[in-house]
Protein backbone atom coordinates (compact mmCIF):
# COMPACT_ATOMS: atom_id res chain seq x y z
CA MET A 1 -8.93 16.43 0.78
CA ARG A 2 -6.90 19.72 0.62
CA TRP A 3 -4.20 17.88 -0.91
CA ARG A 4 -3.41 20.81 -3.39
CA GLN A 5 -2.27 22.88 -0.23
CA GLN A 6 0.30 20.29 0.65
CA ARG A 7 3.94 20.28 -0.22
CA GLN A 8 4.95 17.72 -2.39
CA SER A 9 7.55 15.33 -1.93
CA SER A 10 10.23 14.81 -4.53
CA ASN A 11 10.54 10.95 -3.52
CA ILE A 12 8.90 10.20 -6.76
CA GLU A 13 10.29 7.73 -9.46
CA ASP A 14 7.81 7.87 -12.61
CA ARG A 15 7.96 4.85 -14.56
CA ARG A 16 4.59 4.84 -16.29
CA GLY A 17 5.11 3.96 -20.01
CA MET A 18 8.01 2.11 -19.56
CA GLY A 19 6.33 -1.13 -18.81
CA ARG A 20 8.07 -4.61 -20.20
CA GLY A 21 6.41 -7.92 -20.53
CA VAL A 22 6.61 -10.63 -17.82
CA ALA A 23 7.74 -13.80 -19.31
CA MET A 24 4.66 -16.39 -18.51
CA GLY A 25 6.31 -19.63 -18.69
CA GLY A 26 5.85 -22.18 -15.96
CA GLY A 27 2.53 -20.93 -14.62
CA GLY A 28 3.53 -16.90 -14.14
CA ILE A 29 -0.24 -15.81 -14.96
CA GLY A 30 -1.87 -18.02 -12.45
CA VAL A 31 0.87 -16.79 -9.63
CA LEU A 32 0.01 -13.28 -10.65
CA ILE A 33 -3.99 -13.84 -10.27
CA ILE A 34 -3.26 -15.47 -6.86
CA ALA A 35 -1.16 -12.71 -5.55
CA ALA A 36 -3.72 -10.57 -6.74
CA LEU A 37 -6.04 -11.99 -4.73
CA VAL A 38 -4.31 -12.65 -1.63
CA CYS A 39 -1.77 -9.79 -1.78
CA LEU A 40 -4.37 -7.09 -2.72
CA LEU A 41 -3.55 -3.55 -0.96
CA GLY A 42 -0.38 -4.27 0.44
CA GLY A 43 2.14 -6.57 2.07
CA ASP A 44 5.36 -8.35 0.86
CA PRO A 45 4.74 -9.96 -2.70
CA ARG A 46 7.96 -12.01 -2.91
CA GLN A 47 6.53 -15.35 -1.72
CA PHE A 48 4.41 -15.05 -5.02
CA LEU A 49 6.88 -13.60 -7.14
CA GLU A 50 10.16 -15.22 -6.70
CA GLY A 51 8.89 -18.44 -8.23
CA LEU A 52 8.43 -16.54 -11.64
CA PRO A 53 10.66 -17.37 -14.24
CA ALA A 54 13.35 -14.77 -15.62
CA GLN A 55 12.23 -12.96 -18.62
CA SER A 56 13.04 -14.78 -21.76
CA GLN A 57 12.91 -11.44 -23.98
CA SER A 58 13.79 -8.45 -22.14
CA GLN A 59 13.51 -4.86 -23.77
CA GLN A 60 15.68 -2.10 -23.19
CA GLN A 61 14.16 0.45 -20.79
CA PRO A 62 14.82 3.95 -20.75
CA ALA A 63 15.80 5.30 -17.20
CA ALA A 64 12.98 6.20 -14.67
CA SER A 65 12.29 9.92 -15.03
CA ASN A 66 11.63 12.23 -12.04
CA SER A 67 11.21 15.39 -14.13
CA ALA A 68 8.32 13.67 -15.94
CA PRO A 69 5.15 16.19 -16.59
CA ALA A 70 3.35 16.80 -13.33
CA ASP A 71 -0.05 15.73 -14.02
CA GLU A 72 -2.61 15.70 -11.64
CA ASN A 73 -2.49 11.98 -10.60
CA ARG A 74 1.33 12.40 -9.94
CA GLN A 75 0.93 15.90 -7.91
CA PHE A 76 -1.78 14.10 -6.00
CA ALA A 77 0.64 11.11 -4.89
CA ALA A 78 3.18 13.32 -4.41
CA ALA A 79 1.11 15.72 -1.88
CA VAL A 80 0.10 12.55 0.03
CA LEU A 81 3.68 11.44 0.17
CA GLY A 82 4.92 14.71 1.07
CA SER A 83 2.21 14.91 4.04
CA THR A 84 3.23 11.27 5.24
CA GLU A 85 6.99 12.54 5.44
CA ASP A 86 5.94 15.50 7.51
CA VAL A 87 3.97 13.81 9.71
CA PHE A 88 5.99 10.64 10.44
CA SER A 89 9.39 12.55 10.66
CA GLN A 90 7.88 14.46 13.49
CA ILE A 91 5.89 11.35 15.41
CA LEU A 92 8.04 8.50 14.72
CA PRO A 93 11.08 9.35 16.96
CA ALA A 94 8.72 11.44 19.34
CA GLN A 95 6.67 8.04 19.89
CA GLY A 96 9.77 5.79 20.30
CA GLY A 97 11.21 5.17 16.95
CA PRO A 98 14.06 5.75 14.94
CA ARG A 99 14.54 8.90 12.66
CA TYR A 100 12.12 8.67 9.69
CA GLN A 101 13.74 7.61 6.53
CA PRO A 102 11.20 8.40 3.88
CA PRO A 103 10.19 5.59 1.07
CA THR A 104 10.64 6.23 -2.68
CA LEU A 105 6.95 5.83 -4.29
CA VAL A 106 7.40 4.20 -7.77
CA LEU A 107 4.44 5.01 -10.31
CA PHE A 108 4.19 2.52 -13.15
CA SER A 109 1.66 1.31 -15.76
CA GLY A 110 1.00 -2.58 -16.59
CA GLU A 111 3.99 -4.28 -14.83
CA VAL A 112 7.01 -3.24 -12.79
CA SER A 113 10.40 -4.75 -11.78
CA SER A 114 11.04 -4.21 -8.02
CA ALA A 115 13.68 -5.72 -5.66
CA CYS A 116 10.93 -8.47 -4.73
CA GLY A 117 10.46 -9.39 -8.26
CA TYR A 118 8.25 -8.59 -11.51
CA ALA A 119 4.67 -7.60 -10.46
CA SER A 120 1.55 -6.96 -12.65
CA ALA A 121 -0.91 -4.00 -11.91
CA ALA A 122 -3.35 -6.78 -11.13
CA MET A 123 -1.64 -6.96 -8.09
CA GLY A 124 -2.66 -3.52 -6.85
CA PRO A 125 -0.46 -1.30 -4.52
CA PHE A 126 2.31 -2.65 -2.66
CA TYR A 127 5.23 -2.23 -0.72
CA CYS A 128 8.86 -3.99 -1.33
CA PRO A 129 11.35 -4.25 1.65
CA GLY A 130 13.98 -5.06 -0.48
CA ASP A 131 14.13 -1.64 -2.11
CA ARG A 132 12.20 0.42 0.36
CA LYS A 133 9.72 1.47 -2.34
CA LEU A 134 5.95 1.75 -2.65
CA TYR A 135 4.66 0.59 -6.08
CA LEU A 136 1.44 2.12 -7.52
CA ASP A 137 -0.46 1.88 -10.75
CA PHE A 138 -3.09 4.75 -10.88
CA ALA A 139 -5.68 2.11 -12.62
CA PHE A 140 -6.26 0.67 -9.03
CA PHE A 141 -8.03 3.86 -7.87
CA ASP A 142 -10.34 3.42 -11.03
CA GLU A 143 -10.98 0.13 -9.70
CA LEU A 144 -11.20 1.15 -6.20
CA LYS A 145 -14.10 3.51 -7.49
CA ARG A 146 -15.73 1.40 -10.16
CA GLU A 147 -15.27 -2.26 -8.82
CA PHE A 148 -14.96 -1.71 -4.86
CA ARG A 149 -17.37 1.24 -4.76
CA ALA A 150 -15.05 3.15 -2.69
CA PRO A 151 -14.59 6.76 -4.39
CA GLY A 152 -13.08 9.76 -3.18
CA ASP A 153 -9.49 11.33 -2.92
CA PHE A 154 -9.06 10.28 0.63
CA ALA A 155 -9.82 6.74 -0.17
CA GLN A 156 -6.98 7.15 -2.44
CA ALA A 157 -4.73 8.81 0.18
CA TYR A 158 -5.56 5.75 2.45
CA VAL A 159 -4.37 3.45 0.00
CA ILE A 160 -0.69 5.24 -0.09
CA ALA A 161 -0.82 5.70 3.62
CA HIS A 162 -1.31 2.17 4.26
CA GLU A 163 1.48 1.05 2.08
CA VAL A 164 3.66 3.96 4.19
CA GLY A 165 2.71 1.88 7.23
CA HIS A 166 4.33 -0.96 5.61
CA HIS A 167 7.60 0.92 5.16
CA ILE A 168 7.55 1.94 8.65
CA GLN A 169 7.07 -1.59 9.96
CA ASN A 170 10.20 -2.36 7.88
CA LEU A 171 12.26 0.44 9.56
CA LEU A 172 10.84 -0.93 12.87
CA GLY A 173 11.99 -4.56 12.26
CA THR A 174 8.40 -5.71 12.60
CA MET A 175 8.28 -6.90 8.82
CA GLY A 176 11.35 -8.65 9.15
CA LYS A 177 10.53 -10.53 12.26
CA VAL A 178 6.91 -11.50 10.41
CA GLN A 179 8.85 -12.68 7.56
CA SER A 180 11.12 -14.96 9.46
CA ARG A 181 8.33 -16.98 10.89
CA GLY A 182 7.50 -18.04 7.23
CA LYS A 183 3.92 -18.21 6.02
CA ASN A 184 1.66 -17.45 8.88
CA ASN A 185 -1.88 -16.18 7.96
CA ALA A 186 -2.40 -15.17 11.54
CA LEU A 187 0.90 -12.94 11.62
CA SER A 188 0.13 -11.59 7.84
CA VAL A 189 -3.31 -10.40 9.11
CA ALA A 190 -1.96 -8.67 12.04
CA LEU A 191 1.01 -6.75 9.95
CA GLU A 192 -1.65 -5.52 7.76
CA LEU A 193 -4.30 -4.49 10.48
CA GLN A 194 -1.07 -2.66 11.96
CA ALA A 195 -0.57 -0.92 8.67
CA ASP A 196 -4.23 0.02 8.56
CA CYS A 197 -3.71 1.45 12.23
CA TYR A 198 -0.62 3.59 11.16
CA ALA A 199 -2.54 4.85 8.23
CA GLY A 200 -5.03 6.03 10.64
CA VAL A 201 -2.66 7.69 12.89
CA TRP A 202 -1.45 9.91 9.92
CA ALA A 203 -4.86 10.90 9.05
CA HIS A 204 -5.07 11.98 12.75
CA HIS A 205 -2.26 14.22 12.13
CA ALA A 206 -2.81 15.42 8.88
CA ALA A 207 -6.19 16.43 10.24
CA LYS A 208 -4.46 18.49 12.60
CA LYS A 209 -2.77 19.99 9.75
CA GLY A 210 -5.96 21.25 8.15
CA ILE A 211 -5.46 18.61 5.31
CA VAL A 212 -8.52 16.49 5.91
CA GLU A 213 -12.13 17.80 5.08
CA PRO A 214 -15.56 16.84 6.61
CA GLY A 215 -16.38 13.24 5.16
CA ASP A 216 -12.87 12.18 4.43
CA PRO A 217 -12.38 9.63 7.22
CA GLU A 218 -15.81 8.15 5.88
CA GLU A 219 -14.16 7.73 2.40
CA ALA A 220 -11.13 5.79 3.93
CA LEU A 221 -13.40 3.50 6.15
CA ARG A 222 -15.42 2.49 2.82
CA ALA A 223 -12.05 1.63 1.36
CA ALA A 224 -10.66 0.03 4.03
CA ALA A 225 -13.83 -2.20 4.44
CA ALA A 226 -14.06 -2.72 0.57
CA VAL A 227 -10.51 -4.50 0.59
CA GLY A 228 -11.03 -6.68 3.59
CA ASP A 229 -10.57 -10.26 3.08
CA ASP A 230 -14.13 -11.40 3.69
CA MET A 231 -15.38 -8.86 1.15
CA ILE A 232 -12.84 -9.88 -1.47
CA GLN A 233 -13.48 -13.68 -1.09
CA LYS A 234 -17.41 -12.93 -1.57
CA ARG A 235 -16.79 -11.03 -4.73
CA THR A 236 -13.97 -13.51 -6.14
CA GLN A 237 -15.30 -17.04 -5.22
CA GLY A 238 -18.96 -16.21 -3.46
CA TYR A 239 -18.25 -17.53 -0.31
CA VAL A 240 -15.98 -16.95 2.94
CA VAL A 241 -12.98 -18.91 4.26
CA PRO A 242 -11.77 -16.96 7.60
CA GLU A 243 -8.85 -19.55 7.93
CA SER A 244 -7.63 -18.36 4.61
CA PHE A 245 -7.55 -14.68 5.61
CA THR A 246 -4.14 -12.58 5.21
CA HIS A 247 -5.40 -9.18 5.75
CA GLY A 248 -8.28 -9.02 7.97
CA SER A 249 -12.10 -8.96 7.44
CA SER A 250 -13.65 -5.66 6.63
CA LYS A 251 -14.75 -4.89 10.38
CA GLU A 252 -11.12 -5.30 11.45
CA ARG A 253 -9.44 -3.06 9.25
CA MET A 254 -12.17 -0.53 9.79
CA GLU A 255 -11.57 -0.76 13.69
CA TRP A 256 -7.94 -0.33 13.37
CA PHE A 257 -7.99 2.73 10.94
CA THR A 258 -10.43 4.34 13.45
CA ARG A 259 -8.18 3.32 16.33
CA GLY A 260 -5.19 4.95 14.79
CA PHE A 261 -7.19 7.99 13.76
CA ASN A 262 -9.00 8.29 16.66
CA GLY A 263 -5.87 8.28 18.95
CA GLY A 264 -2.94 9.37 16.53
CA ASP A 265 -0.62 7.40 18.45
CA MET A 266 1.37 4.59 17.12
CA ARG A 267 2.16 2.82 20.02
CA GLN A 268 -1.69 1.96 20.07
CA CYS A 269 -1.07 -0.11 16.95
CA GLN A 270 -0.51 -3.34 18.92
CA THR A 271 -2.24 -5.72 16.52
CA PHE A 272 0.29 -8.67 17.37
CA ARG A 273 -0.88 -8.98 21.04
């Protein structure tokens, strides 16, 4: 991936090193573990986080810095986010959507506070519709490579683009409609697969801009397959329960990313039909 040639977004909020402990009374650890298994790589974590108790002892945090040293991880994330901004600012209104309003990407380490509650890095990257921010701990990229066997910078870019896909769903009102229906696994799966499709749409247009190199789409597909519900359940419990899926199978996730990548049209991402 030729990310170093890409414009870097300024919508970065760097909170790394500013972590604060999460109080763990009343089963908080169990809630976070469930969230990590069920909400890995996307989705709205509020249903798992709202029940966490308030912190009994809070530590004073300095304000998040946007002028922190631009290490390579931050440069990479800013470049990918910048690419999604360029692509969706152009195609979202052109394909029947509203004017694109870019999200902020929050970089954190350990734990983070959002409008959706406190979250542990164990949850993986997530999008919070309450503050329209993406949250990312770079430790997840190491896990993606080591535990999920999905290495590569484009696999990491897919992760960020998937979360941007959730932001687009928020802008379009899709996420709000799904949340208003309460807990519904089928709708949750459709929401996640659509975010995969939107990530594929981004990749399609990024390829036109010369950012994508040979082999990059395969990296994204390996990542999509690795975080399928069936693969995660096999790794964590040794068997698969399709009725409990919240993100879709490996096959489904690859298929919808591919559909977006091949067509480049958000209107083809109709996972709710």
